[in-house]
Amino acid sequence: MSKPDPRIPAMLELAELKFRIDDDGDAIVVISGWEEGRSQTVFISSRTYTYDDQEFREVFSPAYTGELPTAKVLPESVTSHGLI
């Protein structure tokens, strides 16, 4: 298990967000409580990058998790190009 950047847990605890650290040292936050019982999973990378004098890290979240819609509801341009 990689060590997380210690700033990540500190900031998430300060924001009173529940999180866990994965084997790569990245944080995973699940935000719930929205309508229809939906939730959003957010991944916060422990690794940072620099550009000039700025430090960056990746923060991302899947837009959808679940069954893919049937081909009948997807545009032909998507299904014909093998994008699913």
Protein backbone atom coordinates (compact mmCIF):
# COMPACT_ATOMS: atom_id res chain seq x y z
CA MET A 1 0.00 0.00 0.00
CA SER A 2 1.38 3.38 -1.03
CA LYS A 3 1.32 6.19 1.47
CA PRO A 4 -1.21 8.92 0.68
CA ASP A 5 -0.26 12.55 0.47
CA PRO A 6 -0.96 13.52 4.11
CA ARG A 7 -2.70 16.71 2.97
CA ILE A 8 -5.59 14.71 1.46
CA PRO A 9 -6.83 13.00 4.66
CA ALA A 10 -6.28 16.23 6.60
CA MET A 11 -8.48 18.25 4.22
CA LEU A 12 -11.17 15.56 3.97
CA GLU A 13 -11.32 15.25 7.76
CA LEU A 14 -11.53 19.03 8.07
CA ALA A 15 -14.48 18.95 5.64
CA GLU A 16 -16.01 16.12 7.70
CA LEU A 17 -16.19 13.82 4.67
CA LYS A 18 -16.00 10.05 5.05
CA PHE A 19 -13.34 8.50 2.85
CA ARG A 20 -11.06 5.53 2.46
CA ILE A 21 -7.54 5.20 1.08
CA ASP A 22 -6.96 2.58 -1.63
CA ASP A 23 -3.81 0.50 -2.20
CA ASP A 24 -2.29 3.24 -4.38
CA GLY A 25 -2.66 5.84 -1.63
CA ASP A 26 -5.53 7.60 -3.43
CA ALA A 27 -8.64 8.76 -1.56
CA ILE A 28 -12.12 7.56 -2.43
CA VAL A 29 -15.05 9.67 -1.25
CA VAL A 30 -18.69 8.64 -1.67
CA ILE A 31 -21.13 11.55 -1.50
CA SER A 32 -24.75 10.51 -1.02
CA GLY A 33 -28.07 11.96 0.03
CA TRP A 34 -29.31 13.18 -3.34
CA GLU A 35 -32.76 12.50 -4.72
CA GLU A 36 -33.70 8.97 -5.72
CA GLY A 37 -30.99 7.54 -3.44
CA ARG A 38 -28.22 8.47 -5.86
CA SER A 39 -24.60 8.89 -4.85
CA GLN A 40 -21.39 10.10 -6.45
CA THR A 41 -17.97 8.51 -6.02
CA VAL A 42 -14.98 10.86 -6.21
CA PHE A 43 -11.38 9.69 -6.63
CA ILE A 44 -8.58 11.99 -5.44
CA SER A 45 -5.12 11.06 -6.64
CA SER A 46 -2.31 11.19 -4.12
CA ARG A 47 0.21 11.87 -6.88
CA THR A 48 0.76 15.48 -7.87
CA TYR A 49 2.21 17.12 -10.96
CA THR A 50 3.90 20.48 -11.29
CA TYR A 51 3.78 23.02 -14.06
CA ASP A 52 5.86 26.14 -13.55
CA ASP A 53 5.30 26.86 -9.87
CA GLN A 54 1.81 25.29 -9.66
CA GLU A 55 1.00 21.88 -8.18
CA PHE A 56 -1.87 19.82 -9.60
CA ARG A 57 -3.54 16.51 -8.78
CA GLU A 58 -6.18 14.46 -10.56
CA VAL A 59 -9.69 14.50 -9.11
CA PHE A 60 -12.26 12.57 -11.09
CA SER A 61 -15.62 10.87 -10.84
CA PRO A 62 -17.47 8.39 -13.05
CA ALA A 63 -20.53 9.93 -14.67
CA TYR A 64 -22.58 6.71 -14.67
CA THR A 65 -22.39 3.27 -13.15
CA GLY A 66 -24.87 0.59 -14.01
CA GLU A 67 -26.37 -1.24 -16.93
CA LEU A 68 -25.79 0.25 -20.36
CA PRO A 69 -28.95 1.32 -22.14
CA THR A 70 -30.15 -0.89 -24.95
CA ALA A 71 -29.09 -0.11 -28.49
CA LYS A 72 -32.63 1.12 -29.21
CA VAL A 73 -32.09 4.23 -27.07
CA LEU A 74 -28.55 4.98 -28.21
CA PRO A 75 -27.88 6.97 -31.37
CA GLU A 76 -26.76 4.90 -34.34
CA SER A 77 -23.55 6.96 -34.52
CA VAL A 78 -22.51 5.54 -31.12
CA THR A 79 -23.40 1.90 -31.78
CA SER A 80 -22.04 1.82 -35.33
CA HIS A 81 -18.59 3.06 -34.22
CA GLY A 82 -18.21 0.44 -31.51
CA LEU A 83 -18.17 2.99 -28.72
CA ILE A 84 -20.02 0.70 -26.32
